[in-house]
Amino acid sequence: MVEALGRSGESAAVFARRHGLELVRVERWARRLARAAEPANAEARSVPFAPVRVVAEQSAAPAALEVVVGGAVVRVGRDFDAELLRRVVAALAEAAC
């Protein structure tokens, strides 16, 4: 029923009325299933962010981006490999913990 409600695009009230259901029952099941799908604790839902400090370019170096993770500074040029940078930052962040 809840999957059909989601696919319908209708409000819970319209859906319940169209199917001859009690609105309170439709809402209760939607809430119950939403809670069951949530992670057990708030930490599992949180997204870790690393602090970022933007600094003015100090030289005429061709670096397009400077990333500071913990005590490490990573400078990358304009045509950097995004996947490689992601792995380097992840490794530095893990080492900083």
PDB file of N, CA and C in Angstrom:
ATOM      1  N   MET A   1       0.819  -1.172   0.000  1.00  0.00           N
ATOM      2  CA  MET A   1       0.000   0.000   0.000  1.00  0.00           C
ATOM      3  C   MET A   1       0.876   1.254   0.000  1.00  0.00           C
ATOM      4  N   VAL A   2       1.923   1.272   0.825  1.00  0.00           N
ATOM      5  CA  VAL A   2       2.770   2.454   0.919  1.00  0.00           C
ATOM      6  C   VAL A   2       3.561   2.642  -0.376  1.00  0.00           C
ATOM      7  N   GLU A   3       4.019   1.547  -0.980  1.00  0.00           N
ATOM      8  CA  GLU A   3       4.711   1.656  -2.264  1.00  0.00           C
ATOM      9  C   GLU A   3       3.774   2.217  -3.327  1.00  0.00           C
ATOM     10  N   ALA A   4       2.542   1.754  -3.344  1.00  0.00           N
ATOM     11  CA  ALA A   4       1.563   2.254  -4.311  1.00  0.00           C
ATOM     12  C   ALA A   4       1.284   3.732  -4.080  1.00  0.00           C
ATOM     13  N   LEU A   5       1.221   4.157  -2.822  1.00  0.00           N
ATOM     14  CA  LEU A   5       1.032   5.565  -2.500  1.00  0.00           C
ATOM     15  C   LEU A   5       2.183   6.397  -3.061  1.00  0.00           C
ATOM     16  N   GLY A   6       3.409   5.937  -2.852  1.00  0.00           N
ATOM     17  CA  GLY A   6       4.571   6.657  -3.361  1.00  0.00           C
ATOM     18  C   GLY A   6       4.579   6.753  -4.875  1.00  0.00           C
ATOM     19  N   ARG A   7       4.222   5.672  -5.553  1.00  0.00           N
ATOM     20  CA  ARG A   7       4.186   5.677  -7.014  1.00  0.00           C
ATOM     21  C   ARG A   7       3.063   6.542  -7.558  1.00  0.00           C
ATOM     22  N   SER A   8       1.986   6.686  -6.800  1.00  0.00           N
ATOM     23  CA  SER A   8       0.816   7.414  -7.293  1.00  0.00           C
ATOM     24  C   SER A   8       1.060   8.913  -7.418  1.00  0.00           C
ATOM     25  N   GLY A   9       1.937   9.452  -6.552  1.00  0.00           N
ATOM     26  CA  GLY A   9       2.155  10.890  -6.551  1.00  0.00           C
ATOM     27  C   GLY A   9       1.031  11.657  -5.872  1.00  0.00           C
ATOM     28  N   GLU A  10       0.062  10.943  -5.327  1.00  0.00           N
ATOM     29  CA  GLU A  10      -1.076  11.584  -4.663  1.00  0.00           C
ATOM     30  C   GLU A  10      -0.740  11.858  -3.201  1.00  0.00           C
ATOM     31  N   SER A  11      -1.500  12.748  -2.597  1.00  0.00           N
ATOM     32  CA  SER A  11      -1.374  12.940  -1.160  1.00  0.00           C
ATOM     33  C   SER A  11      -1.955  11.700  -0.479  1.00  0.00           C
ATOM     34  N   ALA A  12      -1.601  11.509   0.776  1.00  0.00           N
ATOM     35  CA  ALA A  12      -2.127  10.360   1.515  1.00  0.00           C
ATOM     36  C   ALA A  12      -3.652  10.424   1.604  1.00  0.00           C
ATOM     37  N   ALA A  13      -4.198  11.632   1.749  1.00  0.00           N
ATOM     38  CA  ALA A  13      -5.652  11.783   1.868  1.00  0.00           C
ATOM     39  C   ALA A  13      -6.360  11.372   0.588  1.00  0.00           C
ATOM     40  N   VAL A  14      -5.841  11.820  -0.550  1.00  0.00           N
ATOM     41  CA  VAL A  14      -6.465  11.474  -1.839  1.00  0.00           C
ATOM     42  C   VAL A  14      -6.339   9.972  -2.088  1.00  0.00           C
ATOM     43  N   PHE A  15      -5.162   9.432  -1.813  1.00  0.00           N
ATOM     44  CA  PHE A  15      -4.932   7.999  -2.020  1.00  0.00           C
ATOM     45  C   PHE A  15      -5.888   7.168  -1.150  1.00  0.00           C
ATOM     46  N   ALA A  16      -5.993   7.534   0.126  1.00  0.00           N
ATOM     47  CA  ALA A  16      -6.859   6.792   1.047  1.00  0.00           C
ATOM     48  C   ALA A  16      -8.312   6.853   0.586  1.00  0.00           C
ATOM     49  N   ARG A  17      -8.772   8.027   0.220  1.00  0.00           N
ATOM     50  CA  ARG A  17     -10.160   8.189  -0.226  1.00  0.00           C
ATOM     51  C   ARG A  17     -10.419   7.364  -1.488  1.00  0.00           C
ATOM     52  N   ARG A  18      -9.475   7.403  -2.437  1.00  0.00           N
ATOM     53  CA  ARG A  18      -9.662   6.671  -3.705  1.00  0.00           C
ATOM     54  C   ARG A  18      -9.736   5.160  -3.490  1.00  0.00           C
ATOM     55  N   HIS A  19      -9.034   4.660  -2.477  1.00  0.00           N
ATOM     56  CA  HIS A  19      -8.999   3.211  -2.224  1.00  0.00           C
ATOM     57  C   HIS A  19      -9.913   2.784  -1.083  1.00  0.00           C
ATOM     58  N   GLY A  20     -10.675   3.716  -0.544  1.00  0.00           N
ATOM     59  CA  GLY A  20     -11.596   3.369   0.535  1.00  0.00           C
ATOM     60  C   GLY A  20     -10.886   3.005   1.832  1.00  0.00           C
ATOM     61  N   LEU A  21      -9.762   3.631   2.092  1.00  0.00           N
ATOM     62  CA  LEU A  21      -8.986   3.356   3.298  1.00  0.00           C
ATOM     63  C   LEU A  21      -9.110   4.519   4.274  1.00  0.00           C
ATOM     64  N   GLU A  22      -8.847   4.236   5.539  1.00  0.00           N
ATOM     65  CA  GLU A  22      -8.826   5.300   6.529  1.00  0.00           C
ATOM     66  C   GLU A  22      -7.498   6.032   6.421  1.00  0.00           C
ATOM     67  N   LEU A  23      -7.560   7.353   6.370  1.00  0.00           N
ATOM     68  CA  LEU A  23      -6.357   8.167   6.241  1.00  0.00           C
ATOM     69  C   LEU A  23      -5.363   7.879   7.362  1.00  0.00           C
ATOM     70  N   VAL A  24      -5.846   7.773   8.575  1.00  0.00           N
ATOM     71  CA  VAL A  24      -4.958   7.537   9.713  1.00  0.00           C
ATOM     72  C   VAL A  24      -4.188   6.228   9.541  1.00  0.00           C
ATOM     73  N   ARG A  25      -4.808   5.221   8.955  1.00  0.00           N
ATOM     74  CA  ARG A  25      -4.131   3.933   8.741  1.00  0.00           C
ATOM     75  C   ARG A  25      -3.023   4.072   7.696  1.00  0.00           C
ATOM     76  N   VAL A  26      -3.313   4.779   6.603  1.00  0.00           N
ATOM     77  CA  VAL A  26      -2.307   4.987   5.551  1.00  0.00           C
ATOM     78  C   VAL A  26      -1.117   5.756   6.130  1.00  0.00           C
ATOM     79  N   GLU A  27      -1.385   6.824   6.870  1.00  0.00           N
ATOM     80  CA  GLU A  27      -0.306   7.616   7.451  1.00  0.00           C
ATOM     81  C   GLU A  27       0.509   6.823   8.467  1.00  0.00           C
ATOM     82  N   ARG A  28      -0.177   6.007   9.255  1.00  0.00           N
ATOM     83  CA  ARG A  28       0.520   5.197  10.271  1.00  0.00           C
ATOM     84  C   ARG A  28       1.486   4.221   9.604  1.00  0.00           C
ATOM     85  N   TRP A  29       1.041   3.545   8.552  1.00  0.00           N
ATOM     86  CA  TRP A  29       1.913   2.587   7.872  1.00  0.00           C
ATOM     87  C   TRP A  29       3.070   3.294   7.174  1.00  0.00           C
ATOM     88  N   ALA A  30       2.816   4.460   6.608  1.00  0.00           N
ATOM     89  CA  ALA A  30       3.889   5.208   5.950  1.00  0.00           C
ATOM     90  C   ALA A  30       4.957   5.609   6.978  1.00  0.00           C
ATOM     91  N   ARG A  31       4.530   6.101   8.144  1.00  0.00           N
ATOM     92  CA  ARG A  31       5.484   6.468   9.199  1.00  0.00           C
ATOM     93  C   ARG A  31       6.236   5.240   9.707  1.00  0.00           C
ATOM     94  N   ARG A  32       5.523   4.157   9.922  1.00  0.00           N
ATOM     95  CA  ARG A  32       6.142   2.936  10.456  1.00  0.00           C
ATOM     96  C   ARG A  32       7.220   2.415   9.503  1.00  0.00           C
ATOM     97  N   LEU A  33       6.925   2.386   8.211  1.00  0.00           N
ATOM     98  CA  LEU A  33       7.905   1.894   7.247  1.00  0.00           C
ATOM     99  C   LEU A  33       9.064   2.868   7.080  1.00  0.00           C
ATOM    100  N   ALA A  34       8.804   4.173   7.190  1.00  0.00           N
ATOM    101  CA  ALA A  34       9.882   5.163   7.102  1.00  0.00           C
ATOM    102  C   ALA A  34      10.838   5.003   8.277  1.00  0.00           C
ATOM    103  N   ARG A  35      10.290   4.774   9.478  1.00  0.00           N
ATOM    104  CA  ARG A  35      11.149   4.567  10.661  1.00  0.00           C
ATOM    105  C   ARG A  35      11.965   3.297  10.516  1.00  0.00           C
ATOM    106  N   ALA A  36      11.374   2.246   9.976  1.00  0.00           N
ATOM    107  CA  ALA A  36      12.078   0.972   9.827  1.00  0.00           C
ATOM    108  C   ALA A  36      13.234   1.107   8.840  1.00  0.00           C
ATOM    109  N   ALA A  37      13.120   2.018   7.890  1.00  0.00           N
ATOM    110  CA  ALA A  37      14.164   2.193   6.883  1.00  0.00           C
ATOM    111  C   ALA A  37      15.298   3.083   7.364  1.00  0.00           C
ATOM    112  N   GLU A  38      15.115   3.814   8.480  1.00  0.00           N
ATOM    113  CA  GLU A  38      16.144   4.710   9.001  1.00  0.00           C
ATOM    114  C   GLU A  38      17.246   3.913   9.686  1.00  0.00           C
ATOM    115  N   PRO A  39      18.492   4.431   9.629  1.00  0.00           N
ATOM    116  CA  PRO A  39      19.580   3.800  10.381  1.00  0.00           C
ATOM    117  C   PRO A  39      19.276   3.825  11.880  1.00  0.00           C
ATOM    118  N   ALA A  40      19.874   2.915  12.621  1.00  0.00           N
ATOM    119  CA  ALA A  40      19.589   2.776  14.050  1.00  0.00           C
ATOM    120  C   ALA A  40      20.021   3.976  14.867  1.00  0.00           C
ATOM    121  N   ASN A  41      21.084   4.664  14.460  1.00  0.00           N
ATOM    122  CA  ASN A  41      21.533   5.807  15.260  1.00  0.00           C
ATOM    123  C   ASN A  41      21.855   6.991  14.362  1.00  0.00           C
ATOM    124  N   ALA A  42      21.977   8.138  14.974  1.00  0.00           N
ATOM    125  CA  ALA A  42      22.216   9.371  14.220  1.00  0.00           C
ATOM    126  C   ALA A  42      23.595   9.372  13.571  1.00  0.00           C
ATOM    127  N   GLU A  43      24.582   8.714  14.190  1.00  0.00           N
ATOM    128  CA  GLU A  43      25.925   8.688  13.615  1.00  0.00           C
ATOM    129  C   GLU A  43      25.933   8.007  12.261  1.00  0.00           C
ATOM    130  N   ALA A  44      25.123   6.987  12.080  1.00  0.00           N
ATOM    131  CA  ALA A  44      25.073   6.282  10.804  1.00  0.00           C
ATOM    132  C   ALA A  44      24.526   7.181   9.714  1.00  0.00           C
ATOM    133  N   ARG A  45      23.732   8.196  10.075  1.00  0.00           N
ATOM    134  CA  ARG A  45      23.155   9.098   9.085  1.00  0.00           C
ATOM    135  C   ARG A  45      24.040  10.299   8.818  1.00  0.00           C
ATOM    136  N   SER A  46      24.983  10.607   9.724  1.00  0.00           N
ATOM    137  CA  SER A  46      25.775  11.814   9.569  1.00  0.00           C
ATOM    138  C   SER A  46      26.805  11.646   8.458  1.00  0.00           C
ATOM    139  N   VAL A  47      27.122  12.741   7.829  1.00  0.00           N
ATOM    140  CA  VAL A  47      28.113  12.761   6.768  1.00  0.00           C
ATOM    141  C   VAL A  47      29.318  13.534   7.288  1.00  0.00           C
ATOM    142  N   PRO A  48      30.482  12.897   7.302  1.00  0.00           N
ATOM    143  CA  PRO A  48      31.646  13.605   7.835  1.00  0.00           C
ATOM    144  C   PRO A  48      32.135  14.666   6.851  1.00  0.00           C
ATOM    145  N   PHE A  49      32.468  15.824   7.376  1.00  0.00           N
ATOM    146  CA  PHE A  49      33.029  16.897   6.569  1.00  0.00           C
ATOM    147  C   PHE A  49      34.393  17.249   7.131  1.00  0.00           C
ATOM    148  N   ALA A  50      35.320  17.537   6.258  1.00  0.00           N
ATOM    149  CA  ALA A  50      36.634  17.986   6.686  1.00  0.00           C
ATOM    150  C   ALA A  50      36.653  19.500   6.656  1.00  0.00           C
ATOM    151  N   PRO A  51      37.293  20.137   7.634  1.00  0.00           N
ATOM    152  CA  PRO A  51      37.370  21.594   7.602  1.00  0.00           C
ATOM    153  C   PRO A  51      38.186  22.043   6.386  1.00  0.00           C
ATOM    154  N   VAL A  52      37.755  23.111   5.767  1.00  0.00           N
ATOM    155  CA  VAL A  52      38.427  23.641   4.589  1.00  0.00           C
ATOM    156  C   VAL A  52      38.791  25.095   4.860  1.00  0.00           C
ATOM    157  N   ARG A  53      39.987  25.467   4.504  1.00  0.00           N
ATOM    158  CA  ARG A  53      40.425  26.853   4.651  1.00  0.00           C
ATOM    159  C   ARG A  53      40.834  27.348   3.277  1.00  0.00           C
ATOM    160  N   VAL A  54      40.221  28.420   2.833  1.00  0.00           N
ATOM    161  CA  VAL A  54      40.537  29.001   1.535  1.00  0.00           C
ATOM    162  C   VAL A  54      41.598  30.060   1.750  1.00  0.00           C
ATOM    163  N   VAL A  55      42.683  29.946   0.997  1.00  0.00           N
ATOM    164  CA  VAL A  55      43.765  30.914   1.119  1.00  0.00           C
ATOM    165  C   VAL A  55      44.045  31.529  -0.243  1.00  0.00           C
ATOM    166  N   ALA A  56      44.545  32.747  -0.221  1.00  0.00           N
ATOM    167  CA  ALA A  56      44.904  33.416  -1.466  1.00  0.00           C
ATOM    168  C   ALA A  56      46.115  32.735  -2.073  1.00  0.00           C
ATOM    169  N   GLU A  57      46.155  32.724  -3.376  1.00  0.00           N
ATOM    170  CA  GLU A  57      47.295  32.128  -4.067  1.00  0.00           C
ATOM    171  C   GLU A  57      48.531  32.957  -3.750  1.00  0.00           C
ATOM    172  N   GLN A  58      49.613  32.297  -3.298  1.00  0.00           N
ATOM    173  CA  GLN A  58      50.792  33.027  -2.844  1.00  0.00           C
ATOM    174  C   GLN A  58      51.870  33.122  -3.916  1.00  0.00           C
ATOM    175  N   SER A  59      51.710  32.396  -4.971  1.00  0.00           N
ATOM    176  CA  SER A  59      52.715  32.434  -6.023  1.00  0.00           C
ATOM    177  C   SER A  59      52.021  32.332  -7.371  1.00  0.00           C
ATOM    178  N   ALA A  60      52.798  32.415  -8.396  1.00  0.00           N
ATOM    179  CA  ALA A  60      52.254  32.296  -9.746  1.00  0.00           C
ATOM    180  C   ALA A  60      52.236  30.841 -10.183  1.00  0.00           C
ATOM    181  N   ALA A  61      52.274  29.911  -9.226  1.00  0.00           N
ATOM    182  CA  ALA A  61      52.271  28.482  -9.544  1.00  0.00           C
ATOM    183  C   ALA A  61      50.982  28.107 -10.267  1.00  0.00           C
ATOM    184  N   PRO A  62      51.053  27.127 -11.135  1.00  0.00           N
ATOM    185  CA  PRO A  62      49.874  26.753 -11.914  1.00  0.00           C
ATOM    186  C   PRO A  62      48.838  25.942 -11.141  1.00  0.00           C
ATOM    187  N   ALA A  63      48.992  25.826  -9.809  1.00  0.00           N
ATOM    188  CA  ALA A  63      48.030  25.037  -9.034  1.00  0.00           C
ATOM    189  C   ALA A  63      46.642  25.665  -9.119  1.00  0.00           C
ATOM    190  N   ALA A  64      45.655  24.836  -9.356  1.00  0.00           N
ATOM    191  CA  ALA A  64      44.277  25.308  -9.460  1.00  0.00           C
ATOM    192  C   ALA A  64      43.544  25.125  -8.147  1.00  0.00           C
ATOM    193  N   LEU A  65      44.047  24.239  -7.294  1.00  0.00           N
ATOM    194  CA  LEU A  65      43.336  23.890  -6.077  1.00  0.00           C
ATOM    195  C   LEU A  65      44.334  23.463  -5.024  1.00  0.00           C
ATOM    196  N   GLU A  66      44.068  23.858  -3.790  1.00  0.00           N
ATOM    197  CA  GLU A  66      44.888  23.441  -2.667  1.00  0.00           C
ATOM    198  C   GLU A  66      43.971  22.850  -1.621  1.00  0.00           C
ATOM    199  N   VAL A  67      44.247  21.617  -1.206  1.00  0.00           N
ATOM    200  CA  VAL A  67      43.422  20.918  -0.227  1.00  0.00           C
ATOM    201  C   VAL A  67      44.282  20.651   1.002  1.00  0.00           C
ATOM    202  N   VAL A  68      43.767  21.034   2.180  1.00  0.00           N
ATOM    203  CA  VAL A  68      44.484  20.801   3.434  1.00  0.00           C
ATOM    204  C   VAL A  68      43.702  19.769   4.222  1.00  0.00           C
ATOM    205  N   VAL A  69      44.365  18.655   4.531  1.00  0.00           N
ATOM    206  CA  VAL A  69      43.738  17.590   5.313  1.00  0.00           C
ATOM    207  C   VAL A  69      44.667  17.299   6.477  1.00  0.00           C
ATOM    208  N   GLY A  70      44.174  17.586   7.686  1.00  0.00           N
ATOM    209  CA  GLY A  70      45.037  17.433   8.848  1.00  0.00           C
ATOM    210  C   GLY A  70      46.206  18.390   8.696  1.00  0.00           C
ATOM    211  N   GLY A  71      47.428  17.889   8.736  1.00  0.00           N
ATOM    212  CA  GLY A  71      48.606  18.729   8.544  1.00  0.00           C
ATOM    213  C   GLY A  71      49.151  18.665   7.133  1.00  0.00           C
ATOM    214  N   ALA A  72      48.503  17.926   6.246  1.00  0.00           N
ATOM    215  CA  ALA A  72      48.998  17.760   4.881  1.00  0.00           C
ATOM    216  C   ALA A  72      48.348  18.771   3.944  1.00  0.00           C
ATOM    217  N   VAL A  73      49.140  19.240   2.984  1.00  0.00           N
ATOM    218  CA  VAL A  73      48.649  20.159   1.959  1.00  0.00           C
ATOM    219  C   VAL A  73      48.821  19.470   0.611  1.00  0.00           C
ATOM    220  N   VAL A  74      47.746  19.399  -0.149  1.00  0.00           N
ATOM    221  CA  VAL A  74      47.788  18.793  -1.478  1.00  0.00           C
ATOM    222  C   VAL A  74      47.457  19.887  -2.481  1.00  0.00           C
ATOM    223  N   ARG A  75      48.387  20.146  -3.393  1.00  0.00           N
ATOM    224  CA  ARG A  75      48.151  21.133  -4.447  1.00  0.00           C
ATOM    225  C   ARG A  75      47.993  20.392  -5.766  1.00  0.00           C
ATOM    226  N   VAL A  76      46.960  20.729  -6.491  1.00  0.00           N
ATOM    227  CA  VAL A  76      46.715  20.051  -7.766  1.00  0.00           C
ATOM    228  C   VAL A  76      46.572  21.078  -8.875  1.00  0.00           C
ATOM    229  N   GLY A  77      46.999  20.693 -10.058  1.00  0.00           N
ATOM    230  CA  GLY A  77      46.903  21.563 -11.220  1.00  0.00           C
ATOM    231  C   GLY A  77      45.502  21.543 -11.801  1.00  0.00           C
ATOM    232  N   ARG A  78      45.316  22.329 -12.821  1.00  0.00           N
ATOM    233  CA  ARG A  78      43.990  22.477 -13.428  1.00  0.00           C
ATOM    234  C   ARG A  78      43.490  21.197 -14.084  1.00  0.00           C
ATOM    235  N   ASP A  79      44.356  20.344 -14.538  1.00  0.00           N
ATOM    236  CA  ASP A  79      43.930  19.112 -15.215  1.00  0.00           C
ATOM    237  C   ASP A  79      44.174  17.875 -14.340  1.00  0.00           C
ATOM    238  N   PHE A  80      43.803  17.991 -13.038  1.00  0.00           N
ATOM    239  CA  PHE A  80      44.051  16.903 -12.091  1.00  0.00           C
ATOM    240  C   PHE A  80      43.116  15.713 -12.329  1.00  0.00           C
ATOM    241  N   ASP A  81      43.537  14.562 -11.828  1.00  0.00           N
ATOM    242  CA  ASP A  81      42.733  13.335 -11.886  1.00  0.00           C
ATOM    243  C   ASP A  81      41.835  13.321 -10.643  1.00  0.00           C
ATOM    244  N   ALA A  82      40.530  13.538 -10.830  1.00  0.00           N
ATOM    245  CA  ALA A  82      39.596  13.660  -9.707  1.00  0.00           C
ATOM    246  C   ALA A  82      39.558  12.390  -8.855  1.00  0.00           C
ATOM    247  N   GLU A  83      39.596  11.240  -9.480  1.00  0.00           N
ATOM    248  CA  GLU A  83      39.540   9.987  -8.722  1.00  0.00           C
ATOM    249  C   GLU A  83      40.795   9.825  -7.860  1.00  0.00           C
ATOM    250  N   LEU A  84      41.941  10.147  -8.407  1.00  0.00           N
ATOM    251  CA  LEU A  84      43.188  10.062  -7.644  1.00  0.00           C
ATOM    252  C   LEU A  84      43.152  11.040  -6.474  1.00  0.00           C
ATOM    253  N   LEU A  85      42.689  12.256  -6.701  1.00  0.00           N
ATOM    254  CA  LEU A  85      42.588  13.233  -5.617  1.00  0.00           C
ATOM    255  C   LEU A  85      41.650  12.729  -4.522  1.00  0.00           C
ATOM    256  N   ARG A  86      40.512  12.141  -4.906  1.00  0.00           N
ATOM    257  CA  ARG A  86      39.568  11.599  -3.926  1.00  0.00           C
ATOM    258  C   ARG A  86      40.238  10.535  -3.063  1.00  0.00           C
ATOM    259  N   ARG A  87      41.012   9.651  -3.685  1.00  0.00           N
ATOM    260  CA  ARG A  87      41.679   8.584  -2.922  1.00  0.00           C
ATOM    261  C   ARG A  87      42.755   9.151  -1.996  1.00  0.00           C
ATOM    262  N   VAL A  88      43.500  10.149  -2.473  1.00  0.00           N
ATOM    263  CA  VAL A  88      44.545  10.757  -1.651  1.00  0.00           C
ATOM    264  C   VAL A  88      43.924  11.444  -0.440  1.00  0.00           C
ATOM    265  N   VAL A  89      42.869  12.233  -0.657  1.00  0.00           N
ATOM    266  CA  VAL A  89      42.215  12.930   0.450  1.00  0.00           C
ATOM    267  C   VAL A  89      41.626  11.928   1.441  1.00  0.00           C
ATOM    268  N   ALA A  90      41.012  10.857   0.940  1.00  0.00           N
ATOM    269  CA  ALA A  90      40.438   9.835   1.834  1.00  0.00           C
ATOM    270  C   ALA A  90      41.543   9.182   2.673  1.00  0.00           C
ATOM    271  N   ALA A  91      42.690   8.877   2.046  1.00  0.00           N
ATOM    272  CA  ALA A  91      43.793   8.258   2.773  1.00  0.00           C
ATOM    273  C   ALA A  91      44.358   9.207   3.832  1.00  0.00           C
ATOM    274  N   LEU A  92      44.496  10.487   3.481  1.00  0.00           N
ATOM    275  CA  LEU A  92      44.990  11.463   4.453  1.00  0.00           C
ATOM    276  C   LEU A  92      44.018  11.639   5.612  1.00  0.00           C
ATOM    277  N   ALA A  93      42.723  11.685   5.300  1.00  0.00           N
ATOM    278  CA  ALA A  93      41.718  11.838   6.340  1.00  0.00           C
ATOM    279  C   ALA A  93      41.730  10.640   7.279  1.00  0.00           C
ATOM    280  N   GLU A  94      41.895   9.461   6.713  1.00  0.00           N
ATOM    281  CA  GLU A  94      41.921   8.236   7.539  1.00  0.00           C
ATOM    282  C   GLU A  94      43.172   8.237   8.421  1.00  0.00           C
ATOM    283  N   ALA A  95      44.289   8.669   7.890  1.00  0.00           N
ATOM    284  CA  ALA A  95      45.542   8.708   8.659  1.00  0.00           C
ATOM    285  C   ALA A  95      45.470   9.761   9.766  1.00  0.00           C
ATOM    286  N   ALA A  96      44.704  10.847   9.537  1.00  0.00           N
ATOM    287  CA  ALA A  96      44.594  11.911  10.525  1.00  0.00           C
ATOM    288  C   ALA A  96      43.760  11.485  11.733  1.00  0.00           C
ATOM    289  N   CYS A  97      42.912  10.477  11.575  1.00  0.00           N
ATOM    290  CA  CYS A  97      42.031  10.048  12.683  1.00  0.00           C
ATOM    291  C   CYS A  97      42.755   9.346  13.750  1.00  0.00           C
TER     292      CYS A  97
END
